[in-house]
Amino acid sequence: MKNKLREMRATKEWSQSDLAEKLEVSRQTVNAIETGRYDPSLPLAFKLAGVFKVAIEDIFVPDKD
């Protein structure tokens, strides 16, 4: 699943560690989500949406097959 997390984080001028702290996850988890190596759980996706005050669909875009 593709996502816009890196761009959204950059607009807030947050480091991966900053975002990880807000989400209560590791920096490695944020990195894995940003690079597409890890798809977050639904609760974590909702938490991400809440931190950025957007809908989940504004962050995550399904891969086209």
N, C-alpha and C. Protein backbone atom coordinates (compact mmCIF):
# COMPACT_ATOMS: atom_id res chain seq x y z
N MET A 1 0.84 -1.17 0.00
CA MET A 1 0.00 0.00 0.00
C MET A 1 0.90 1.24 0.00
N LYS A 2 0.60 2.15 -0.89
CA LYS A 2 1.37 3.40 -0.94
C LYS A 2 0.80 4.39 0.07
N ASN A 3 1.65 5.34 0.45
CA ASN A 3 1.16 6.34 1.40
C ASN A 3 1.89 7.66 1.20
N LYS A 4 1.31 8.69 1.77
CA LYS A 4 1.85 10.05 1.67
C LYS A 4 2.44 10.50 3.00
N LEU A 5 2.76 9.54 3.84
CA LEU A 5 3.18 9.85 5.20
C LEU A 5 4.45 10.72 5.24
N ARG A 6 5.44 10.37 4.43
CA ARG A 6 6.70 11.13 4.46
C ARG A 6 6.44 12.60 4.11
N GLU A 7 5.65 12.84 3.07
CA GLU A 7 5.36 14.21 2.64
C GLU A 7 4.56 14.96 3.71
N MET A 8 3.60 14.28 4.30
CA MET A 8 2.77 14.91 5.33
C MET A 8 3.61 15.24 6.56
N ARG A 9 4.50 14.34 6.91
CA ARG A 9 5.37 14.56 8.07
C ARG A 9 6.31 15.75 7.80
N ALA A 10 6.82 15.82 6.58
CA ALA A 10 7.75 16.90 6.21
C ALA A 10 7.07 18.27 6.28
N THR A 11 5.79 18.34 5.89
CA THR A 11 5.10 19.63 5.93
C THR A 11 4.95 20.13 7.37
N LYS A 12 4.93 19.20 8.33
CA LYS A 12 4.84 19.58 9.75
C LYS A 12 6.24 19.81 10.34
N GLU A 13 7.27 19.50 9.54
CA GLU A 13 8.66 19.60 9.98
C GLU A 13 8.93 18.70 11.19
N TRP A 14 8.34 17.50 11.16
CA TRP A 14 8.54 16.50 12.20
C TRP A 14 9.56 15.49 11.72
N SER A 15 10.41 15.04 12.60
CA SER A 15 11.30 13.93 12.29
C SER A 15 10.51 12.63 12.44
N GLN A 16 11.10 11.55 11.98
CA GLN A 16 10.44 10.25 12.19
C GLN A 16 10.28 9.99 13.68
N SER A 17 11.26 10.40 14.45
CA SER A 17 11.19 10.20 15.91
C SER A 17 10.06 11.02 16.52
N ASP A 18 9.87 12.25 16.03
CA ASP A 18 8.77 13.08 16.52
C ASP A 18 7.43 12.40 16.30
N LEU A 19 7.24 11.91 15.07
CA LEU A 19 5.98 11.25 14.75
C LEU A 19 5.82 9.96 15.55
N ALA A 20 6.90 9.21 15.67
CA ALA A 20 6.84 7.95 16.44
C ALA A 20 6.40 8.22 17.88
N GLU A 21 6.91 9.29 18.46
CA GLU A 21 6.53 9.63 19.83
C GLU A 21 5.04 9.94 19.93
N LYS A 22 4.52 10.68 18.96
CA LYS A 22 3.10 11.02 18.96
C LYS A 22 2.22 9.77 18.81
N LEU A 23 2.73 8.79 18.05
CA LEU A 23 1.97 7.57 17.79
C LEU A 23 2.23 6.47 18.83
N GLU A 24 3.24 6.70 19.68
CA GLU A 24 3.64 5.70 20.67
C GLU A 24 4.12 4.41 20.00
N VAL A 25 4.94 4.58 18.95
CA VAL A 25 5.58 3.46 18.26
C VAL A 25 7.06 3.80 18.11
N SER A 26 7.83 2.88 17.57
CA SER A 26 9.26 3.14 17.36
C SER A 26 9.48 3.95 16.08
N ARG A 27 10.63 4.58 16.01
CA ARG A 27 11.01 5.30 14.80
C ARG A 27 11.12 4.32 13.63
N GLN A 28 11.57 3.11 13.91
CA GLN A 28 11.68 2.09 12.87
C GLN A 28 10.32 1.74 12.28
N THR A 29 9.29 1.76 13.10
CA THR A 29 7.93 1.49 12.60
C THR A 29 7.50 2.59 11.64
N VAL A 30 7.76 3.85 12.00
CA VAL A 30 7.42 4.97 11.12
C VAL A 30 8.18 4.83 9.81
N ASN A 31 9.46 4.50 9.88
CA ASN A 31 10.27 4.33 8.68
C ASN A 31 9.72 3.21 7.80
N ALA A 32 9.35 2.09 8.42
CA ALA A 32 8.83 0.95 7.66
C ALA A 32 7.50 1.29 6.97
N ILE A 33 6.66 2.07 7.64
CA ILE A 33 5.39 2.48 7.02
C ILE A 33 5.69 3.41 5.83
N GLU A 34 6.56 4.39 6.05
CA GLU A 34 6.88 5.36 4.99
C GLU A 34 7.46 4.68 3.75
N THR A 35 8.27 3.67 3.95
CA THR A 35 8.92 3.01 2.81
C THR A 35 8.09 1.87 2.23
N GLY A 36 6.90 1.64 2.80
CA GLY A 36 6.01 0.62 2.26
C GLY A 36 6.36 -0.80 2.65
N ARG A 37 7.28 -0.96 3.60
CA ARG A 37 7.64 -2.31 4.05
C ARG A 37 6.67 -2.85 5.10
N TYR A 38 5.81 -1.97 5.64
CA TYR A 38 4.88 -2.37 6.69
C TYR A 38 3.58 -1.62 6.51
N ASP A 39 2.48 -2.35 6.48
CA ASP A 39 1.16 -1.73 6.46
C ASP A 39 0.66 -1.69 7.90
N PRO A 40 0.31 -0.52 8.39
CA PRO A 40 -0.09 -0.41 9.79
C PRO A 40 -1.42 -1.10 10.07
N SER A 41 -1.60 -1.46 11.32
CA SER A 41 -2.88 -2.01 11.75
C SER A 41 -3.95 -0.92 11.62
N LEU A 42 -5.19 -1.32 11.62
CA LEU A 42 -6.28 -0.34 11.52
C LEU A 42 -6.25 0.66 12.68
N PRO A 43 -6.04 0.21 13.92
CA PRO A 43 -5.96 1.20 15.00
C PRO A 43 -4.82 2.22 14.80
N LEU A 44 -3.67 1.75 14.31
CA LEU A 44 -2.55 2.66 14.06
C LEU A 44 -2.86 3.60 12.90
N ALA A 45 -3.54 3.09 11.88
CA ALA A 45 -3.93 3.95 10.75
C ALA A 45 -4.87 5.06 11.23
N PHE A 46 -5.82 4.71 12.11
CA PHE A 46 -6.71 5.73 12.67
C PHE A 46 -5.94 6.73 13.51
N LYS A 47 -4.95 6.25 14.25
CA LYS A 47 -4.14 7.15 15.06
C LYS A 47 -3.36 8.12 14.17
N LEU A 48 -2.81 7.61 13.08
CA LEU A 48 -2.11 8.46 12.11
C LEU A 48 -3.04 9.53 11.57
N ALA A 49 -4.22 9.11 11.17
CA ALA A 49 -5.19 10.06 10.64
C ALA A 49 -5.53 11.13 11.68
N GLY A 50 -5.65 10.71 12.92
CA GLY A 50 -5.96 11.66 13.98
C GLY A 50 -4.84 12.67 14.22
N VAL A 51 -3.60 12.20 14.17
CA VAL A 51 -2.45 13.09 14.38
C VAL A 51 -2.41 14.17 13.30
N PHE A 52 -2.72 13.77 12.06
CA PHE A 52 -2.68 14.72 10.94
C PHE A 52 -4.03 15.40 10.68
N LYS A 53 -5.06 14.97 11.42
CA LYS A 53 -6.41 15.53 11.27
C LYS A 53 -6.92 15.41 9.82
N VAL A 54 -6.76 14.21 9.28
CA VAL A 54 -7.25 13.90 7.93
C VAL A 54 -7.92 12.52 7.96
N ALA A 55 -8.57 12.16 6.87
CA ALA A 55 -9.14 10.82 6.74
C ALA A 55 -8.03 9.83 6.40
N ILE A 56 -8.22 8.59 6.77
CA ILE A 56 -7.24 7.54 6.45
C ILE A 56 -6.95 7.53 4.94
N GLU A 57 -7.99 7.72 4.15
CA GLU A 57 -7.84 7.69 2.69
C GLU A 57 -6.94 8.81 2.17
N ASP A 58 -6.76 9.86 2.98
CA ASP A 58 -5.88 10.96 2.59
C ASP A 58 -4.40 10.59 2.78
N ILE A 59 -4.14 9.53 3.55
CA ILE A 59 -2.77 9.10 3.81
C ILE A 59 -2.41 7.89 2.96
N PHE A 60 -3.32 6.91 2.91
CA PHE A 60 -3.02 5.63 2.27
C PHE A 60 -3.78 5.48 0.94
N VAL A 61 -3.05 4.96 -0.04
CA VAL A 61 -3.62 4.74 -1.36
C VAL A 61 -3.34 3.28 -1.74
N PRO A 62 -4.37 2.51 -2.09
CA PRO A 62 -4.13 1.11 -2.46
C PRO A 62 -3.23 1.01 -3.69
N ASP A 63 -2.38 -0.03 -3.70
CA ASP A 63 -1.56 -0.30 -4.88
C ASP A 63 -2.46 -0.69 -6.04
N LYS A 64 -2.08 -0.26 -7.23
CA LYS A 64 -2.83 -0.67 -8.42
C LYS A 64 -2.24 -1.95 -8.94
N ASP A 65 -3.07 -2.95 -9.15
CA ASP A 65 -2.60 -4.27 -9.62
C ASP A 65 -2.54 -4.33 -11.11
